[in-house]
N, C-alpha and C. Protein backbone atom coordinates (compact mmCIF):
# COMPACT_ATOMS: atom_id res chain seq x y z
N MET A 1 93.64 121.87 97.88
CA MET A 1 92.24 122.23 97.86
C MET A 1 91.63 121.79 99.20
N TYR A 2 90.74 122.61 99.75
CA TYR A 2 90.08 122.31 101.01
C TYR A 2 88.58 122.37 100.85
N ARG A 3 87.90 121.46 101.55
CA ARG A 3 86.44 121.48 101.63
C ARG A 3 86.07 121.21 103.07
N GLY A 4 85.32 122.10 103.65
CA GLY A 4 84.89 121.88 105.03
C GLY A 4 86.04 121.75 106.00
N GLY A 5 87.18 122.37 105.71
CA GLY A 5 88.32 122.33 106.62
C GLY A 5 89.26 121.16 106.40
N PHE A 6 88.89 120.18 105.56
CA PHE A 6 89.74 119.03 105.33
C PHE A 6 90.29 119.08 103.91
N PRO A 7 91.57 118.73 103.72
CA PRO A 7 92.12 118.76 102.38
C PRO A 7 91.53 117.65 101.52
N VAL A 8 91.26 117.95 100.27
CA VAL A 8 90.84 116.96 99.31
C VAL A 8 92.09 116.58 98.53
N LEU A 9 92.57 115.38 98.75
CA LEU A 9 93.85 114.98 98.18
C LEU A 9 93.68 114.21 96.89
N PRO A 10 94.62 114.38 95.97
CA PRO A 10 94.54 113.63 94.72
C PRO A 10 94.75 112.14 94.94
N PHE A 11 95.09 111.71 96.14
CA PHE A 11 95.34 110.30 96.38
C PHE A 11 94.08 109.47 96.19
N THR A 12 92.92 110.03 96.47
CA THR A 12 91.67 109.31 96.26
C THR A 12 91.53 108.93 94.79
N GLY A 13 91.86 109.86 93.92
CA GLY A 13 91.83 109.58 92.48
C GLY A 13 92.83 108.52 92.09
N MET A 14 93.99 108.51 92.71
CA MET A 14 95.00 107.51 92.39
C MET A 14 94.52 106.12 92.77
N ARG A 15 93.80 105.98 93.88
CA ARG A 15 93.25 104.68 94.26
C ARG A 15 92.27 104.17 93.22
N ALA A 16 91.68 105.09 92.46
CA ALA A 16 90.75 104.70 91.39
C ALA A 16 91.46 104.50 90.06
N GLY A 17 92.79 104.66 90.05
CA GLY A 17 93.57 104.42 88.84
C GLY A 17 93.90 105.64 88.02
N ARG A 18 93.70 106.84 88.59
CA ARG A 18 94.03 108.07 87.87
C ARG A 18 95.33 108.63 88.44
N PRO A 19 96.41 108.62 87.66
CA PRO A 19 97.68 109.12 88.18
C PRO A 19 97.63 110.62 88.44
N ALA A 20 98.45 111.05 89.37
CA ALA A 20 98.62 112.49 89.63
C ALA A 20 99.40 113.07 88.45
N PRO A 21 99.36 114.41 88.31
CA PRO A 21 100.10 115.02 87.18
C PRO A 21 101.58 114.65 87.15
N THR A 22 102.21 114.52 88.31
CA THR A 22 103.62 114.13 88.35
C THR A 22 103.82 113.08 89.44
N GLY A 23 104.91 112.33 89.32
CA GLY A 23 105.24 111.34 90.34
C GLY A 23 105.50 111.97 91.69
N GLU A 24 106.10 113.16 91.70
CA GLU A 24 106.39 113.85 92.96
C GLU A 24 105.10 114.28 93.66
N GLN A 25 104.13 114.75 92.88
CA GLN A 25 102.83 115.11 93.47
C GLN A 25 102.13 113.87 94.02
N ALA A 26 102.25 112.77 93.32
CA ALA A 26 101.65 111.52 93.78
C ALA A 26 102.27 111.08 95.10
N LEU A 27 103.58 111.12 95.17
CA LEU A 27 104.27 110.72 96.40
C LEU A 27 103.91 111.64 97.56
N SER A 28 103.86 112.92 97.30
CA SER A 28 103.48 113.89 98.34
C SER A 28 102.06 113.61 98.85
N ALA A 29 101.14 113.37 97.92
CA ALA A 29 99.76 113.08 98.32
C ALA A 29 99.68 111.78 99.11
N ALA A 30 100.45 110.77 98.70
CA ALA A 30 100.44 109.48 99.41
C ALA A 30 101.00 109.63 100.82
N ARG A 31 102.09 110.37 100.96
CA ARG A 31 102.66 110.58 102.30
C ARG A 31 101.66 111.30 103.20
N ARG A 32 101.01 112.32 102.65
CA ARG A 32 100.04 113.08 103.45
C ARG A 32 98.86 112.18 103.83
N ASP A 33 98.43 111.33 102.91
CA ASP A 33 97.35 110.39 103.19
C ASP A 33 97.74 109.46 104.35
N LEU A 34 98.97 108.94 104.31
CA LEU A 34 99.44 108.07 105.39
C LEU A 34 99.54 108.81 106.72
N GLU A 35 100.02 110.05 106.68
CA GLU A 35 100.13 110.85 107.90
C GLU A 35 98.75 111.10 108.52
N LEU A 36 97.78 111.45 107.69
CA LEU A 36 96.42 111.68 108.18
C LEU A 36 95.81 110.40 108.73
N HIS A 37 96.05 109.29 108.04
CA HIS A 37 95.55 107.99 108.50
C HIS A 37 96.13 107.65 109.87
N ALA A 38 97.43 107.89 110.03
CA ALA A 38 98.08 107.61 111.31
C ALA A 38 97.49 108.48 112.42
N CYS A 39 97.30 109.75 112.13
CA CYS A 39 96.83 110.69 113.14
C CYS A 39 95.37 110.45 113.53
N HIS A 40 94.52 110.27 112.54
CA HIS A 40 93.09 110.24 112.81
C HIS A 40 92.51 108.84 112.99
N ASN A 41 93.19 107.82 112.51
CA ASN A 41 92.65 106.46 112.61
C ASN A 41 93.52 105.56 113.49
N LEU A 42 94.81 105.48 113.16
CA LEU A 42 95.66 104.52 113.88
C LEU A 42 95.96 104.93 115.31
N ALA A 43 96.32 106.18 115.53
CA ALA A 43 96.67 106.60 116.89
C ALA A 43 95.52 106.36 117.88
N PRO A 44 94.29 106.78 117.56
CA PRO A 44 93.20 106.49 118.50
C PRO A 44 92.96 104.99 118.68
N ALA A 45 93.06 104.22 117.59
CA ALA A 45 92.83 102.78 117.70
C ALA A 45 93.93 102.10 118.51
N LEU A 46 95.18 102.50 118.28
CA LEU A 46 96.30 101.88 119.02
C LEU A 46 96.25 102.19 120.51
N SER A 47 95.61 103.28 120.89
CA SER A 47 95.49 103.58 122.31
C SER A 47 94.61 102.56 123.02
N LEU A 48 93.84 101.79 122.25
CA LEU A 48 92.95 100.78 122.82
C LEU A 48 93.53 99.37 122.77
N GLY A 49 94.62 99.18 122.00
CA GLY A 49 95.22 97.85 121.89
C GLY A 49 95.74 97.59 120.50
N PRO A 50 96.08 96.33 120.19
CA PRO A 50 96.60 95.99 118.86
C PRO A 50 95.58 96.32 117.78
N VAL A 51 96.09 96.63 116.59
CA VAL A 51 95.25 97.03 115.48
C VAL A 51 95.59 96.18 114.26
N VAL A 52 94.58 95.70 113.60
CA VAL A 52 94.75 95.05 112.31
C VAL A 52 94.22 96.04 111.28
N ALA A 53 95.06 96.40 110.32
CA ALA A 53 94.67 97.42 109.34
C ALA A 53 95.00 96.94 107.94
N ASP A 54 94.44 97.60 106.97
CA ASP A 54 94.62 97.23 105.58
C ASP A 54 94.99 98.46 104.78
N ARG A 55 95.54 98.23 103.61
CA ARG A 55 95.85 99.29 102.65
C ARG A 55 96.77 100.35 103.22
N LEU A 56 97.90 99.91 103.72
CA LEU A 56 98.85 100.88 104.24
C LEU A 56 100.01 101.04 103.28
N THR A 57 101.19 101.06 103.80
CA THR A 57 102.36 101.48 103.05
C THR A 57 102.65 100.63 101.81
N LEU A 58 102.61 99.32 101.93
CA LEU A 58 102.99 98.50 100.77
C LEU A 58 102.00 98.65 99.62
N SER A 59 100.71 98.66 99.91
CA SER A 59 99.76 98.81 98.81
C SER A 59 99.87 100.19 98.18
N THR A 60 100.17 101.20 98.99
CA THR A 60 100.35 102.55 98.46
C THR A 60 101.58 102.60 97.55
N ALA A 61 102.68 102.00 97.98
CA ALA A 61 103.90 101.98 97.17
C ALA A 61 103.65 101.25 95.85
N CYS A 62 102.92 100.14 95.90
CA CYS A 62 102.64 99.38 94.68
C CYS A 62 101.77 100.19 93.72
N LEU A 63 100.78 100.86 94.26
CA LEU A 63 99.91 101.69 93.42
C LEU A 63 100.70 102.80 92.74
N LEU A 64 101.56 103.46 93.51
CA LEU A 64 102.38 104.53 92.93
C LEU A 64 103.31 104.00 91.84
N ALA A 65 103.94 102.86 92.10
CA ALA A 65 104.84 102.28 91.10
C ALA A 65 104.08 101.88 89.84
N LEU A 66 102.88 101.37 90.00
CA LEU A 66 102.07 100.98 88.85
C LEU A 66 101.67 102.19 88.01
N LEU A 67 101.23 103.25 88.69
CA LEU A 67 100.72 104.42 87.98
C LEU A 67 101.82 105.33 87.43
N HIS A 68 102.99 105.34 88.08
CA HIS A 68 104.03 106.30 87.69
C HIS A 68 105.30 105.65 87.20
N ASP A 69 105.27 104.33 87.00
CA ASP A 69 106.37 103.60 86.37
C ASP A 69 107.74 103.94 86.95
N ARG A 70 107.83 103.79 88.25
CA ARG A 70 109.10 103.98 88.97
C ARG A 70 109.31 102.74 89.82
N PRO A 71 110.52 102.37 90.17
CA PRO A 71 110.73 101.16 90.98
C PRO A 71 109.98 101.25 92.31
N VAL A 72 109.30 100.17 92.65
CA VAL A 72 108.49 100.15 93.87
C VAL A 72 109.37 100.33 95.11
N ALA A 73 110.60 99.87 95.07
CA ALA A 73 111.50 100.00 96.23
C ALA A 73 111.74 101.47 96.56
N ASP A 74 111.78 102.34 95.56
CA ASP A 74 111.95 103.78 95.81
C ASP A 74 110.78 104.31 96.65
N TYR A 75 109.58 103.90 96.27
CA TYR A 75 108.40 104.36 97.01
C TYR A 75 108.37 103.76 98.42
N VAL A 76 108.74 102.50 98.54
CA VAL A 76 108.75 101.87 99.87
C VAL A 76 109.70 102.62 100.79
N ARG A 77 110.91 102.91 100.31
CA ARG A 77 111.89 103.62 101.15
C ARG A 77 111.36 104.98 101.58
N ASN A 78 110.73 105.70 100.66
CA ASN A 78 110.22 107.03 100.98
C ASN A 78 109.04 106.95 101.94
N LEU A 79 108.10 106.06 101.68
CA LEU A 79 106.91 105.97 102.55
C LEU A 79 107.23 105.37 103.91
N ALA A 80 108.30 104.58 104.00
CA ALA A 80 108.70 104.02 105.30
C ALA A 80 109.14 105.10 106.27
N GLU A 81 109.44 106.29 105.74
CA GLU A 81 109.81 107.41 106.61
C GLU A 81 108.62 107.92 107.42
N VAL A 82 107.42 107.58 107.01
CA VAL A 82 106.21 107.96 107.77
C VAL A 82 106.07 106.90 108.87
N THR A 83 106.85 107.07 109.93
CA THR A 83 106.97 106.03 110.95
C THR A 83 105.70 105.73 111.74
N PRO A 84 104.76 106.66 111.93
CA PRO A 84 103.56 106.28 112.69
C PRO A 84 102.72 105.18 112.05
N VAL A 85 102.93 104.88 110.77
CA VAL A 85 102.14 103.83 110.14
C VAL A 85 102.96 102.57 109.87
N ARG A 86 104.09 102.44 110.53
CA ARG A 86 104.90 101.24 110.37
C ARG A 86 104.25 100.09 111.13
N ALA A 87 103.86 99.09 110.41
CA ALA A 87 103.21 97.93 111.02
C ALA A 87 104.25 97.02 111.66
N GLU A 88 103.90 96.44 112.82
CA GLU A 88 104.78 95.45 113.44
C GLU A 88 104.87 94.20 112.57
N LEU A 89 103.80 93.91 111.88
CA LEU A 89 103.76 92.74 111.02
C LEU A 89 102.92 93.08 109.79
N THR A 90 103.45 92.78 108.63
CA THR A 90 102.72 92.94 107.39
C THR A 90 102.49 91.56 106.81
N VAL A 91 101.27 91.31 106.34
CA VAL A 91 100.92 90.03 105.74
C VAL A 91 100.73 90.24 104.24
N LEU A 92 101.42 89.44 103.46
CA LEU A 92 101.27 89.46 102.01
C LEU A 92 100.61 88.16 101.60
N LEU A 93 99.36 88.26 101.16
CA LEU A 93 98.66 87.07 100.67
C LEU A 93 99.19 86.75 99.28
N THR A 94 99.64 85.54 99.11
CA THR A 94 100.29 85.15 97.87
C THR A 94 99.35 84.35 96.97
N THR A 95 98.10 84.67 96.99
CA THR A 95 97.12 83.99 96.16
C THR A 95 97.40 84.30 94.69
N ASP A 96 97.36 83.29 93.87
CA ASP A 96 97.63 83.45 92.45
C ASP A 96 96.63 84.42 91.82
N PRO A 97 97.11 85.39 91.01
CA PRO A 97 96.19 86.36 90.41
C PRO A 97 95.06 85.73 89.59
N GLU A 98 95.32 84.59 88.93
CA GLU A 98 94.26 83.95 88.14
C GLU A 98 93.13 83.46 89.04
N LEU A 99 93.47 82.93 90.21
CA LEU A 99 92.44 82.49 91.15
C LEU A 99 91.64 83.69 91.66
N CYS A 100 92.33 84.77 91.96
CA CYS A 100 91.63 85.98 92.38
C CYS A 100 90.67 86.46 91.30
N HIS A 101 91.15 86.45 90.05
CA HIS A 101 90.30 86.88 88.94
C HIS A 101 89.06 85.99 88.82
N ALA A 102 89.26 84.69 88.94
CA ALA A 102 88.12 83.77 88.85
C ALA A 102 87.10 84.06 89.95
N ARG A 103 87.56 84.36 91.14
CA ARG A 103 86.64 84.69 92.24
C ARG A 103 85.92 86.01 91.97
N LEU A 104 86.66 87.00 91.47
CA LEU A 104 86.07 88.32 91.23
C LEU A 104 85.03 88.29 90.12
N CYS A 105 85.15 87.37 89.20
CA CYS A 105 84.17 87.29 88.10
C CYS A 105 82.77 86.98 88.62
N HIS A 106 82.68 86.40 89.80
CA HIS A 106 81.38 86.05 90.39
C HIS A 106 80.81 87.16 91.26
N ARG A 107 81.56 88.22 91.44
CA ARG A 107 81.10 89.33 92.28
C ARG A 107 80.05 90.14 91.52
N ALA A 108 79.03 90.59 92.22
CA ALA A 108 77.94 91.32 91.58
C ALA A 108 78.33 92.73 91.19
N THR A 109 79.31 93.32 91.84
CA THR A 109 79.69 94.70 91.55
C THR A 109 80.63 94.75 90.34
N SER A 110 80.78 95.93 89.80
CA SER A 110 81.65 96.09 88.63
C SER A 110 83.11 95.93 89.01
N ARG A 111 83.92 95.61 88.02
CA ARG A 111 85.35 95.42 88.23
C ARG A 111 86.01 96.74 88.59
N ARG A 112 86.92 96.70 89.55
CA ARG A 112 87.65 97.89 89.99
C ARG A 112 89.00 97.97 89.29
N PHE A 113 89.60 99.16 89.41
CA PHE A 113 90.94 99.34 88.89
C PHE A 113 91.87 98.33 89.57
N GLY A 114 92.71 97.73 88.81
CA GLY A 114 93.66 96.78 89.36
C GLY A 114 93.20 95.34 89.28
N GLU A 115 91.95 95.10 88.88
CA GLU A 115 91.44 93.74 88.84
C GLU A 115 91.49 93.10 87.46
N ALA A 116 91.82 93.87 86.44
CA ALA A 116 92.01 93.29 85.11
C ALA A 116 93.22 92.36 85.17
N PRO A 117 93.16 91.20 84.53
CA PRO A 117 94.25 90.21 84.67
C PRO A 117 95.66 90.75 84.47
N PRO A 118 95.96 91.53 83.43
CA PRO A 118 97.35 92.01 83.29
C PRO A 118 97.77 92.94 84.43
N THR A 119 96.84 93.80 84.86
CA THR A 119 97.15 94.72 85.96
C THR A 119 97.32 93.95 87.26
N ALA A 120 96.46 92.96 87.51
CA ALA A 120 96.56 92.16 88.72
C ALA A 120 97.88 91.39 88.77
N ALA A 121 98.31 90.86 87.63
CA ALA A 121 99.59 90.14 87.59
C ALA A 121 100.75 91.09 87.87
N ARG A 122 100.68 92.29 87.32
CA ARG A 122 101.73 93.30 87.57
C ARG A 122 101.74 93.68 89.04
N LEU A 123 100.56 93.87 89.63
CA LEU A 123 100.48 94.22 91.05
C LEU A 123 101.03 93.10 91.93
N ALA A 124 100.74 91.85 91.59
CA ALA A 124 101.27 90.73 92.38
C ALA A 124 102.80 90.76 92.39
N ASP A 125 103.39 91.04 91.24
CA ASP A 125 104.85 91.14 91.15
C ASP A 125 105.36 92.33 91.97
N LEU A 126 104.67 93.46 91.87
CA LEU A 126 105.07 94.64 92.65
C LEU A 126 104.99 94.38 94.14
N TYR A 127 103.96 93.66 94.59
CA TYR A 127 103.84 93.35 96.02
C TYR A 127 105.01 92.52 96.50
N GLU A 128 105.44 91.54 95.72
CA GLU A 128 106.60 90.73 96.11
C GLU A 128 107.84 91.62 96.26
N GLN A 129 108.06 92.51 95.29
CA GLN A 129 109.20 93.42 95.35
C GLN A 129 109.07 94.37 96.55
N ALA A 130 107.88 94.87 96.79
CA ALA A 130 107.66 95.80 97.89
C ALA A 130 107.89 95.13 99.24
N ALA A 131 107.45 93.89 99.36
CA ALA A 131 107.64 93.16 100.62
C ALA A 131 109.13 93.00 100.94
N THR A 132 109.90 92.65 99.92
CA THR A 132 111.34 92.52 100.11
C THR A 132 111.97 93.86 100.48
N ALA A 133 111.58 94.91 99.75
CA ALA A 133 112.12 96.25 100.03
C ALA A 133 111.73 96.73 101.42
N TRP A 134 110.52 96.39 101.88
CA TRP A 134 110.06 96.80 103.21
C TRP A 134 110.96 96.20 104.30
N THR A 135 111.21 94.92 104.20
CA THR A 135 112.06 94.27 105.20
C THR A 135 113.48 94.80 105.14
N GLU A 136 114.00 95.01 103.93
CA GLU A 136 115.36 95.55 103.80
C GLU A 136 115.45 96.97 104.36
N THR A 137 114.40 97.76 104.18
CA THR A 137 114.41 99.15 104.62
C THR A 137 114.17 99.30 106.11
N THR A 138 113.22 98.54 106.63
CA THR A 138 112.79 98.75 108.03
C THR A 138 113.26 97.68 108.99
N GLY A 139 113.64 96.52 108.48
CA GLY A 139 113.97 95.39 109.35
C GLY A 139 112.74 94.70 109.91
N LEU A 140 111.56 95.13 109.48
CA LEU A 140 110.31 94.55 109.98
C LEU A 140 109.88 93.37 109.10
N PRO A 141 109.22 92.37 109.70
CA PRO A 141 108.88 91.18 108.94
C PRO A 141 107.68 91.37 108.01
N VAL A 142 107.69 90.58 106.95
CA VAL A 142 106.53 90.42 106.07
C VAL A 142 106.24 88.93 106.03
N LEU A 143 105.07 88.56 106.48
CA LEU A 143 104.65 87.17 106.47
C LEU A 143 103.95 86.90 105.14
N ARG A 144 104.58 86.06 104.33
CA ARG A 144 103.99 85.69 103.04
C ARG A 144 103.17 84.42 103.27
N HIS A 145 101.93 84.46 102.82
CA HIS A 145 101.06 83.33 103.11
C HIS A 145 100.05 83.14 101.98
N PRO A 146 99.89 81.89 101.51
CA PRO A 146 98.86 81.66 100.49
C PRO A 146 97.47 81.71 101.12
N CYS A 147 96.52 82.06 100.32
CA CYS A 147 95.14 82.06 100.80
C CYS A 147 94.26 81.62 99.64
N THR A 148 94.22 80.30 99.44
CA THR A 148 93.45 79.77 98.33
C THR A 148 92.23 78.98 98.77
N ALA A 149 92.25 78.48 99.99
CA ALA A 149 91.14 77.68 100.51
C ALA A 149 90.84 78.11 101.94
N GLU A 150 89.65 77.79 102.41
CA GLU A 150 89.24 78.23 103.74
C GLU A 150 90.19 77.79 104.86
N PRO A 151 90.75 76.58 104.84
CA PRO A 151 91.71 76.22 105.91
C PRO A 151 92.93 77.13 105.96
N ASP A 152 93.27 77.76 104.82
CA ASP A 152 94.39 78.70 104.81
C ASP A 152 94.14 79.87 105.75
N LEU A 153 92.88 80.26 105.93
CA LEU A 153 92.56 81.37 106.83
C LEU A 153 92.91 81.04 108.27
N ASP A 154 92.62 79.80 108.70
CA ASP A 154 92.98 79.39 110.06
C ASP A 154 94.49 79.38 110.25
N LEU A 155 95.20 78.86 109.25
CA LEU A 155 96.66 78.85 109.33
C LEU A 155 97.22 80.27 109.34
N LEU A 156 96.65 81.13 108.52
CA LEU A 156 97.08 82.52 108.48
C LEU A 156 96.84 83.21 109.82
N THR A 157 95.68 83.00 110.40
CA THR A 157 95.37 83.60 111.70
C THR A 157 96.36 83.13 112.76
N ALA A 158 96.63 81.84 112.80
CA ALA A 158 97.58 81.30 113.78
C ALA A 158 98.98 81.88 113.57
N ALA A 159 99.39 81.98 112.31
CA ALA A 159 100.72 82.53 112.01
C ALA A 159 100.81 84.00 112.43
N CYS A 160 99.76 84.76 112.16
CA CYS A 160 99.76 86.18 112.55
C CYS A 160 99.82 86.33 114.06
N LEU A 161 98.99 85.59 114.77
CA LEU A 161 98.99 85.68 116.24
C LEU A 161 100.33 85.26 116.81
N GLY A 162 100.94 84.23 116.24
CA GLY A 162 102.27 83.80 116.69
C GLY A 162 103.31 84.89 116.48
N GLN A 163 103.29 85.53 115.32
CA GLN A 163 104.23 86.61 115.04
C GLN A 163 104.00 87.79 115.97
N LEU A 164 102.75 88.16 116.19
CA LEU A 164 102.46 89.30 117.06
C LEU A 164 102.85 89.02 118.50
N ARG A 165 102.62 87.80 118.96
CA ARG A 165 103.04 87.43 120.33
C ARG A 165 104.55 87.54 120.47
N ALA A 166 105.27 87.09 119.46
CA ALA A 166 106.73 87.11 119.52
C ALA A 166 107.29 88.53 119.39
N ALA A 167 106.56 89.41 118.72
CA ALA A 167 107.06 90.75 118.44
C ALA A 167 107.01 91.68 119.62
N SER A 168 106.02 91.55 120.47
CA SER A 168 105.82 92.55 121.51
C SER A 168 105.22 91.93 122.76
N PRO A 169 105.90 92.09 123.91
CA PRO A 169 105.33 91.57 125.15
C PRO A 169 103.95 92.18 125.46
N ARG A 170 103.78 93.47 125.16
CA ARG A 170 102.49 94.12 125.42
C ARG A 170 101.39 93.48 124.56
N THR A 171 101.71 93.26 123.30
CA THR A 171 100.74 92.64 122.39
C THR A 171 100.43 91.22 122.85
N ALA A 172 101.45 90.48 123.25
CA ALA A 172 101.24 89.11 123.71
C ALA A 172 100.30 89.09 124.91
N ARG A 173 100.49 90.04 125.84
CA ARG A 173 99.63 90.09 127.03
C ARG A 173 98.19 90.37 126.64
N ILE A 174 98.00 91.31 125.73
CA ILE A 174 96.64 91.65 125.30
C ILE A 174 96.00 90.49 124.57
N LEU A 175 96.76 89.79 123.74
CA LEU A 175 96.22 88.67 122.98
C LEU A 175 95.87 87.50 123.88
N GLU A 176 96.56 87.35 125.02
CA GLU A 176 96.30 86.24 125.92
C GLU A 176 95.17 86.51 126.89
N GLU A 177 94.88 87.80 127.14
CA GLU A 177 93.81 88.13 128.09
C GLU A 177 92.47 87.73 127.51
N PRO A 178 91.59 87.17 128.35
CA PRO A 178 90.26 86.86 127.83
C PRO A 178 89.52 88.16 127.52
N PRO A 179 88.65 88.14 126.53
CA PRO A 179 87.91 89.35 126.21
C PRO A 179 87.02 89.76 127.37
N HIS A 180 86.82 91.04 127.49
CA HIS A 180 85.98 91.57 128.56
C HIS A 180 84.54 91.57 128.09
N ALA A 181 83.89 90.45 128.25
CA ALA A 181 82.49 90.34 127.83
C ALA A 181 81.59 90.75 128.98
N PRO A 182 80.47 91.35 128.67
CA PRO A 182 79.55 91.70 129.75
C PRO A 182 78.98 90.44 130.38
N ALA A 183 78.65 90.55 131.64
CA ALA A 183 78.07 89.41 132.36
C ALA A 183 76.73 89.06 131.70
N PRO A 184 76.42 87.76 131.63
CA PRO A 184 75.13 87.40 131.03
C PRO A 184 73.99 87.93 131.90
N PRO A 185 72.86 88.19 131.29
CA PRO A 185 71.73 88.70 132.08
C PRO A 185 71.26 87.66 133.08
N SER A 186 70.76 88.13 134.18
CA SER A 186 70.27 87.19 135.19
C SER A 186 69.04 86.47 134.65
N PRO A 187 68.81 85.22 135.09
CA PRO A 187 67.67 84.48 134.59
C PRO A 187 66.37 85.21 134.91
N ARG A 188 65.44 85.11 134.01
CA ARG A 188 64.15 85.76 134.24
C ARG A 188 63.09 84.68 134.42
N ARG A 189 62.18 84.99 135.25
CA ARG A 189 61.07 84.05 135.49
C ARG A 189 59.89 84.47 134.65
N LEU A 190 59.26 83.52 134.09
CA LEU A 190 58.05 83.78 133.33
C LEU A 190 56.85 83.32 134.16
N GLY A 191 56.18 84.25 134.72
CA GLY A 191 54.98 83.91 135.52
C GLY A 191 55.31 83.60 136.97
N PRO A 192 54.30 83.17 137.77
CA PRO A 192 54.49 82.94 139.21
C PRO A 192 55.28 81.73 139.54
């Protein structure tokens, strides 16, 4: 289906917890979603330097496995073939689902698909399986890191930067360069 020249994919519905009519249609929609994301979002961003992105291949594989009851490793292997969206480093936050649920209970917005405790626990298990399958399939690292308290964020940031520096000389150079900030405005005089 097309609207305004752009395809309307069933993958949007899957993100909301509505499975596609068949697992094959779901996989096809997910691959197309990743291809479009790579073309229209990642490629332009990567031309400017390193990119930190969310909701890529592993979360897509987990969603498909949850909705269509197939091994997550099958989806990981298939989606890994979409090479333009292969991350140099994937981070898997290993926060306990019960802690996540407790935090989400205080959120003002309504609960989303995947946030109910049984579904969240299933997704946490799928993410662990997907992370292992990703490394086995691609040879690329997955950094598993807890994120339960604010100091964990500093440790996570340091670990990510260390991994990115080690992974690519180009990335290391960009990460070491000072940011190009505009020069501060010249002092202004108030009055004579």
